[in-house]
Amino acid sequence: MTIRRASSGRHLTIPEVCDDLGISRSTFYDWRAKRKAPPCFKLPNGDLRIRRADYESWLVRLEEKAA
């Protein structure tokens, strides 16, 4: 799986992650509630972001578990 470079920064938005994974936003939030989603942090305005490095590490861990 390749991360699309929709955002130019080090952080991904929830819609970018959902698009990359091919999941709905509600699925992402279900995973987050179950602590299965990649680590997020909250901006002062309440929006969530995911560090690109954390997202990539999370994907690698999923691949390792599947092997």
PDB file of N, CA and C in Angstrom:
ATOM      1  N   MET A   1       0.850  -1.173   0.000  1.00  0.00           N
ATOM      2  CA  MET A   1       0.000   0.000   0.000  1.00  0.00           C
ATOM      3  C   MET A   1       0.896   1.236   0.000  1.00  0.00           C
ATOM      4  N   THR A   2       0.552   2.186  -0.827  1.00  0.00           N
ATOM      5  CA  THR A   2       1.344   3.406  -0.936  1.00  0.00           C
ATOM      6  C   THR A   2       0.529   4.584  -0.454  1.00  0.00           C
ATOM      7  N   ILE A   3       1.169   5.448   0.303  1.00  0.00           N
ATOM      8  CA  ILE A   3       0.503   6.644   0.798  1.00  0.00           C
ATOM      9  C   ILE A   3       0.485   7.678  -0.311  1.00  0.00           C
ATOM     10  N   ARG A   4      -0.678   8.132  -0.661  1.00  0.00           N
ATOM     11  CA  ARG A   4      -0.793   9.198  -1.653  1.00  0.00           C
ATOM     12  C   ARG A   4      -0.349  10.499  -1.024  1.00  0.00           C
ATOM     13  N   ARG A   5       0.388  11.269  -1.740  1.00  0.00           N
ATOM     14  CA  ARG A   5       0.946  12.518  -1.220  1.00  0.00           C
ATOM     15  C   ARG A   5      -0.030  13.678  -1.408  1.00  0.00           C
ATOM     16  N   ALA A   6      -1.245  13.508  -0.917  1.00  0.00           N
ATOM     17  CA  ALA A   6      -2.257  14.561  -1.055  1.00  0.00           C
ATOM     18  C   ALA A   6      -1.874  15.796  -0.249  1.00  0.00           C
ATOM     19  N   SER A   7      -1.315  15.579   0.920  1.00  0.00           N
ATOM     20  CA  SER A   7      -0.881  16.727   1.701  1.00  0.00           C
ATOM     21  C   SER A   7       0.621  16.834   1.569  1.00  0.00           C
ATOM     22  N   SER A   8       1.109  18.028   1.544  1.00  0.00           N
ATOM     23  CA  SER A   8       2.532  18.225   1.331  1.00  0.00           C
ATOM     24  C   SER A   8       3.322  18.183   2.633  1.00  0.00           C
ATOM     25  N   GLY A   9       2.637  18.197   3.765  1.00  0.00           N
ATOM     26  CA  GLY A   9       3.324  18.269   5.048  1.00  0.00           C
ATOM     27  C   GLY A   9       3.619  16.921   5.657  1.00  0.00           C
ATOM     28  N   ARG A  10       4.033  16.962   6.897  1.00  0.00           N
ATOM     29  CA  ARG A  10       4.380  15.752   7.633  1.00  0.00           C
ATOM     30  C   ARG A  10       3.155  15.088   8.233  1.00  0.00           C
ATOM     31  N   HIS A  11       2.013  15.757   8.183  1.00  0.00           N
ATOM     32  CA  HIS A  11       0.813  15.258   8.845  1.00  0.00           C
ATOM     33  C   HIS A  11      -0.295  14.977   7.841  1.00  0.00           C
ATOM     34  N   LEU A  12      -1.046  13.934   8.141  1.00  0.00           N
ATOM     35  CA  LEU A  12      -2.170  13.535   7.300  1.00  0.00           C
ATOM     36  C   LEU A  12      -3.479  13.877   7.996  1.00  0.00           C
ATOM     37  N   THR A  13      -4.478  14.204   7.205  1.00  0.00           N
ATOM     38  CA  THR A  13      -5.813  14.424   7.738  1.00  0.00           C
ATOM     39  C   THR A  13      -6.545  13.083   7.772  1.00  0.00           C
ATOM     40  N   ILE A  14      -7.627  13.050   8.509  1.00  0.00           N
ATOM     41  CA  ILE A  14      -8.438  11.827   8.564  1.00  0.00           C
ATOM     42  C   ILE A  14      -8.987  11.475   7.176  1.00  0.00           C
ATOM     43  N   PRO A  15      -9.519  12.442   6.414  1.00  0.00           N
ATOM     44  CA  PRO A  15      -9.984  12.082   5.065  1.00  0.00           C
ATOM     45  C   PRO A  15      -8.880  11.509   4.167  1.00  0.00           C
ATOM     46  N   GLU A  16      -7.650  12.009   4.302  1.00  0.00           N
ATOM     47  CA  GLU A  16      -6.543  11.471   3.509  1.00  0.00           C
ATOM     48  C   GLU A  16      -6.252  10.029   3.883  1.00  0.00           C
ATOM     49  N   VAL A  17      -6.255   9.732   5.168  1.00  0.00           N
ATOM     50  CA  VAL A  17      -6.000   8.366   5.628  1.00  0.00           C
ATOM     51  C   VAL A  17      -7.133   7.448   5.186  1.00  0.00           C
ATOM     52  N   CYS A  18      -8.359   7.894   5.340  1.00  0.00           N
ATOM     53  CA  CYS A  18      -9.511   7.083   4.921  1.00  0.00           C
ATOM     54  C   CYS A  18      -9.464   6.801   3.425  1.00  0.00           C
ATOM     55  N   ASP A  19      -9.117   7.811   2.647  1.00  0.00           N
ATOM     56  CA  ASP A  19      -9.009   7.630   1.199  1.00  0.00           C
ATOM     57  C   ASP A  19      -7.904   6.637   0.868  1.00  0.00           C
ATOM     58  N   ASP A  20      -6.770   6.747   1.526  1.00  0.00           N
ATOM     59  CA  ASP A  20      -5.647   5.857   1.271  1.00  0.00           C
ATOM     60  C   ASP A  20      -6.002   4.414   1.601  1.00  0.00           C
ATOM     61  N   LEU A  21      -6.738   4.212   2.691  1.00  0.00           N
ATOM     62  CA  LEU A  21      -7.112   2.866   3.124  1.00  0.00           C
ATOM     63  C   LEU A  21      -8.373   2.344   2.441  1.00  0.00           C
ATOM     64  N   GLY A  22      -9.126   3.243   1.808  1.00  0.00           N
ATOM     65  CA  GLY A  22     -10.371   2.836   1.174  1.00  0.00           C
ATOM     66  C   GLY A  22     -11.456   2.513   2.183  1.00  0.00           C
ATOM     67  N   ILE A  23     -11.496   3.277   3.277  1.00  0.00           N
ATOM     68  CA  ILE A  23     -12.492   3.062   4.323  1.00  0.00           C
ATOM     69  C   ILE A  23     -13.308   4.327   4.529  1.00  0.00           C
ATOM     70  N   SER A  24     -14.439   4.174   5.200  1.00  0.00           N
ATOM     71  CA  SER A  24     -15.263   5.338   5.511  1.00  0.00           C
ATOM     72  C   SER A  24     -14.723   6.025   6.765  1.00  0.00           C
ATOM     73  N   ARG A  25     -15.134   7.245   6.938  1.00  0.00           N
ATOM     74  CA  ARG A  25     -14.735   8.010   8.122  1.00  0.00           C
ATOM     75  C   ARG A  25     -15.269   7.327   9.389  1.00  0.00           C
ATOM     76  N   SER A  26     -16.481   6.797   9.313  1.00  0.00           N
ATOM     77  CA  SER A  26     -17.054   6.133  10.492  1.00  0.00           C
ATOM     78  C   SER A  26     -16.253   4.886  10.865  1.00  0.00           C
ATOM     79  N   THR A  27     -15.743   4.166   9.878  1.00  0.00           N
ATOM     80  CA  THR A  27     -14.891   3.014  10.163  1.00  0.00           C
ATOM     81  C   THR A  27     -13.629   3.455  10.876  1.00  0.00           C
ATOM     82  N   PHE A  28     -13.030   4.556  10.406  1.00  0.00           N
ATOM     83  CA  PHE A  28     -11.827   5.062  11.062  1.00  0.00           C
ATOM     84  C   PHE A  28     -12.112   5.378  12.527  1.00  0.00           C
ATOM     85  N   TYR A  29     -13.224   6.063  12.783  1.00  0.00           N
ATOM     86  CA  TYR A  29     -13.539   6.423  14.164  1.00  0.00           C
ATOM     87  C   TYR A  29     -13.893   5.207  15.008  1.00  0.00           C
ATOM     88  N   ASP A  30     -14.478   4.176  14.405  1.00  0.00           N
ATOM     89  CA  ASP A  30     -14.705   2.906  15.125  1.00  0.00           C
ATOM     90  C   ASP A  30     -13.365   2.289  15.521  1.00  0.00           C
ATOM     91  N   TRP A  31     -12.421   2.246  14.569  1.00  0.00           N
ATOM     92  CA  TRP A  31     -11.089   1.720  14.865  1.00  0.00           C
ATOM     93  C   TRP A  31     -10.425   2.539  15.961  1.00  0.00           C
ATOM     94  N   ARG A  32     -10.595   3.846  15.888  1.00  0.00           N
ATOM     95  CA  ARG A  32      -9.965   4.726  16.885  1.00  0.00           C
ATOM     96  C   ARG A  32     -10.533   4.431  18.280  1.00  0.00           C
ATOM     97  N   ALA A  33     -11.848   4.260  18.377  1.00  0.00           N
ATOM     98  CA  ALA A  33     -12.486   3.957  19.657  1.00  0.00           C
ATOM     99  C   ALA A  33     -11.991   2.618  20.220  1.00  0.00           C
ATOM    100  N   LYS A  34     -11.669   1.684  19.319  1.00  0.00           N
ATOM    101  CA  LYS A  34     -11.176   0.374  19.727  1.00  0.00           C
ATOM    102  C   LYS A  34      -9.650   0.342  19.849  1.00  0.00           C
ATOM    103  N   ARG A  35      -9.023   1.505  19.678  1.00  0.00           N
ATOM    104  CA  ARG A  35      -7.556   1.638  19.732  1.00  0.00           C
ATOM    105  C   ARG A  35      -6.860   0.785  18.674  1.00  0.00           C
ATOM    106  N   LYS A  36      -7.471   0.704  17.500  1.00  0.00           N
ATOM    107  CA  LYS A  36      -6.904  -0.043  16.375  1.00  0.00           C
ATOM    108  C   LYS A  36      -6.388   0.890  15.279  1.00  0.00           C
ATOM    109  N   ALA A  37      -6.665   2.173  15.388  1.00  0.00           N
ATOM    110  CA  ALA A  37      -6.262   3.161  14.381  1.00  0.00           C
ATOM    111  C   ALA A  37      -4.840   3.642  14.651  1.00  0.00           C
ATOM    112  N   PRO A  38      -4.226   4.261  13.655  1.00  0.00           N
ATOM    113  CA  PRO A  38      -2.902   4.842  13.903  1.00  0.00           C
ATOM    114  C   PRO A  38      -3.009   5.974  14.924  1.00  0.00           C
ATOM    115  N   PRO A  39      -1.912   6.263  15.632  1.00  0.00           N
ATOM    116  CA  PRO A  39      -1.951   7.326  16.647  1.00  0.00           C
ATOM    117  C   PRO A  39      -2.286   8.685  16.035  1.00  0.00           C
ATOM    118  N   CYS A  40      -3.164   9.401  16.711  1.00  0.00           N
ATOM    119  CA  CYS A  40      -3.609  10.727  16.264  1.00  0.00           C
ATOM    120  C   CYS A  40      -3.272  11.766  17.323  1.00  0.00           C
ATOM    121  N   PHE A  41      -3.240  13.004  16.896  1.00  0.00           N
ATOM    122  CA  PHE A  41      -3.169  14.094  17.865  1.00  0.00           C
ATOM    123  C   PHE A  41      -4.170  15.155  17.448  1.00  0.00           C
ATOM    124  N   LYS A  42      -4.618  15.906  18.438  1.00  0.00           N
ATOM    125  CA  LYS A  42      -5.671  16.888  18.218  1.00  0.00           C
ATOM    126  C   LYS A  42      -5.067  18.286  18.134  1.00  0.00           C
ATOM    127  N   LEU A  43      -5.474  19.025  17.110  1.00  0.00           N
ATOM    128  CA  LEU A  43      -5.073  20.419  16.949  1.00  0.00           C
ATOM    129  C   LEU A  43      -5.929  21.300  17.853  1.00  0.00           C
ATOM    130  N   PRO A  44      -5.500  22.535  18.099  1.00  0.00           N
ATOM    131  CA  PRO A  44      -6.299  23.428  18.947  1.00  0.00           C
ATOM    132  C   PRO A  44      -7.736  23.627  18.463  1.00  0.00           C
ATOM    133  N   ASN A  45      -7.961  23.504  17.144  1.00  0.00           N
ATOM    134  CA  ASN A  45      -9.318  23.666  16.624  1.00  0.00           C
ATOM    135  C   ASN A  45     -10.151  22.388  16.704  1.00  0.00           C
ATOM    136  N   GLY A  46      -9.552  21.318  17.256  1.00  0.00           N
ATOM    137  CA  GLY A  46     -10.270  20.061  17.423  1.00  0.00           C
ATOM    138  C   GLY A  46     -10.055  19.057  16.311  1.00  0.00           C
ATOM    139  N   ASP A  47      -9.470  19.479  15.189  1.00  0.00           N
ATOM    140  CA  ASP A  47      -9.199  18.550  14.096  1.00  0.00           C
ATOM    141  C   ASP A  47      -8.118  17.557  14.507  1.00  0.00           C
ATOM    142  N   LEU A  48      -8.214  16.351  13.967  1.00  0.00           N
ATOM    143  CA  LEU A  48      -7.210  15.326  14.222  1.00  0.00           C
ATOM    144  C   LEU A  48      -6.212  15.278  13.080  1.00  0.00           C
ATOM    145  N   ARG A  49      -4.978  14.954  13.424  1.00  0.00           N
ATOM    146  CA  ARG A  49      -3.931  14.742  12.433  1.00  0.00           C
ATOM    147  C   ARG A  49      -3.166  13.488  12.812  1.00  0.00           C
ATOM    148  N   ILE A  50      -2.545  12.890  11.807  1.00  0.00           N
ATOM    149  CA  ILE A  50      -1.722  11.705  12.004  1.00  0.00           C
ATOM    150  C   ILE A  50      -0.353  12.007  11.405  1.00  0.00           C
ATOM    151  N   ARG A  51       0.677  11.820  12.206  1.00  0.00           N
ATOM    152  CA  ARG A  51       2.035  12.010  11.684  1.00  0.00           C
ATOM    153  C   ARG A  51       2.290  10.959  10.616  1.00  0.00           C
ATOM    154  N   ARG A  52       2.832  11.394   9.490  1.00  0.00           N
ATOM    155  CA  ARG A  52       3.089  10.485   8.372  1.00  0.00           C
ATOM    156  C   ARG A  52       3.957   9.301   8.822  1.00  0.00           C
ATOM    157  N   ALA A  53       4.976   9.554   9.616  1.00  0.00           N
ATOM    158  CA  ALA A  53       5.856   8.479  10.086  1.00  0.00           C
ATOM    159  C   ALA A  53       5.086   7.482  10.950  1.00  0.00           C
ATOM    160  N   ASP A  54       4.184   7.975  11.795  1.00  0.00           N
ATOM    161  CA  ASP A  54       3.366   7.085  12.634  1.00  0.00           C
ATOM    162  C   ASP A  54       2.449   6.226  11.766  1.00  0.00           C
ATOM    163  N   TYR A  55       1.884   6.822  10.729  1.00  0.00           N
ATOM    164  CA  TYR A  55       0.999   6.100   9.820  1.00  0.00           C
ATOM    165  C   TYR A  55       1.770   4.998   9.093  1.00  0.00           C
ATOM    166  N   GLU A  56       2.943   5.330   8.590  1.00  0.00           N
ATOM    167  CA  GLU A  56       3.748   4.348   7.879  1.00  0.00           C
ATOM    168  C   GLU A  56       4.165   3.205   8.802  1.00  0.00           C
ATOM    169  N   SER A  57       4.543   3.522  10.038  1.00  0.00           N
ATOM    170  CA  SER A  57       4.910   2.489  11.015  1.00  0.00           C
ATOM    171  C   SER A  57       3.722   1.596  11.343  1.00  0.00           C
ATOM    172  N   TRP A  58       2.560   2.208  11.478  1.00  0.00           N
ATOM    173  CA  TRP A  58       1.334   1.468  11.766  1.00  0.00           C
ATOM    174  C   TRP A  58       1.043   0.474  10.638  1.00  0.00           C
ATOM    175  N   LEU A  59       1.203   0.916   9.383  1.00  0.00           N
ATOM    176  CA  LEU A  59       0.978   0.024   8.245  1.00  0.00           C
ATOM    177  C   LEU A  59       1.967  -1.148   8.251  1.00  0.00           C
ATOM    178  N   VAL A  60       3.235  -0.852   8.564  1.00  0.00           N
ATOM    179  CA  VAL A  60       4.248  -1.907   8.607  1.00  0.00           C
ATOM    180  C   VAL A  60       3.884  -2.940   9.682  1.00  0.00           C
ATOM    181  N   ARG A  61       3.440  -2.474  10.848  1.00  0.00           N
ATOM    182  CA  ARG A  61       3.057  -3.407  11.919  1.00  0.00           C
ATOM    183  C   ARG A  61       1.887  -4.283  11.488  1.00  0.00           C
ATOM    184  N   LEU A  62       0.926  -3.710  10.766  1.00  0.00           N
ATOM    185  CA  LEU A  62      -0.195  -4.512  10.271  1.00  0.00           C
ATOM    186  C   LEU A  62       0.273  -5.571   9.295  1.00  0.00           C
ATOM    187  N   GLU A  63       1.197  -5.194   8.409  1.00  0.00           N
ATOM    188  CA  GLU A  63       1.726  -6.144   7.443  1.00  0.00           C
ATOM    189  C   GLU A  63       2.482  -7.262   8.143  1.00  0.00           C
ATOM    190  N   GLU A  64       3.243  -6.926   9.186  1.00  0.00           N
ATOM    191  CA  GLU A  64       4.003  -7.938   9.922  1.00  0.00           C
ATOM    192  C   GLU A  64       3.062  -8.913  10.629  1.00  0.00           C
ATOM    193  N   LYS A  65       1.962  -8.402  11.184  1.00  0.00           N
ATOM    194  CA  LYS A  65       0.994  -9.272  11.860  1.00  0.00           C
ATOM    195  C   LYS A  65       0.318 -10.210  10.866  1.00  0.00           C
ATOM    196  N   ALA A  66       0.134  -9.738   9.633  1.00  0.00           N
ATOM    197  CA  ALA A  66      -0.556 -10.532   8.628  1.00  0.00           C
ATOM    198  C   ALA A  66       0.338 -11.629   8.040  1.00  0.00           C
ATOM    199  N   ALA A  67       1.631 -11.463   8.179  1.00  0.00           N
ATOM    200  CA  ALA A  67       2.575 -12.419   7.568  1.00  0.00           C
ATOM    201  C   ALA A  67       2.673 -13.703   8.352  1.00  0.00           C
TER     202      ALA A  67
END
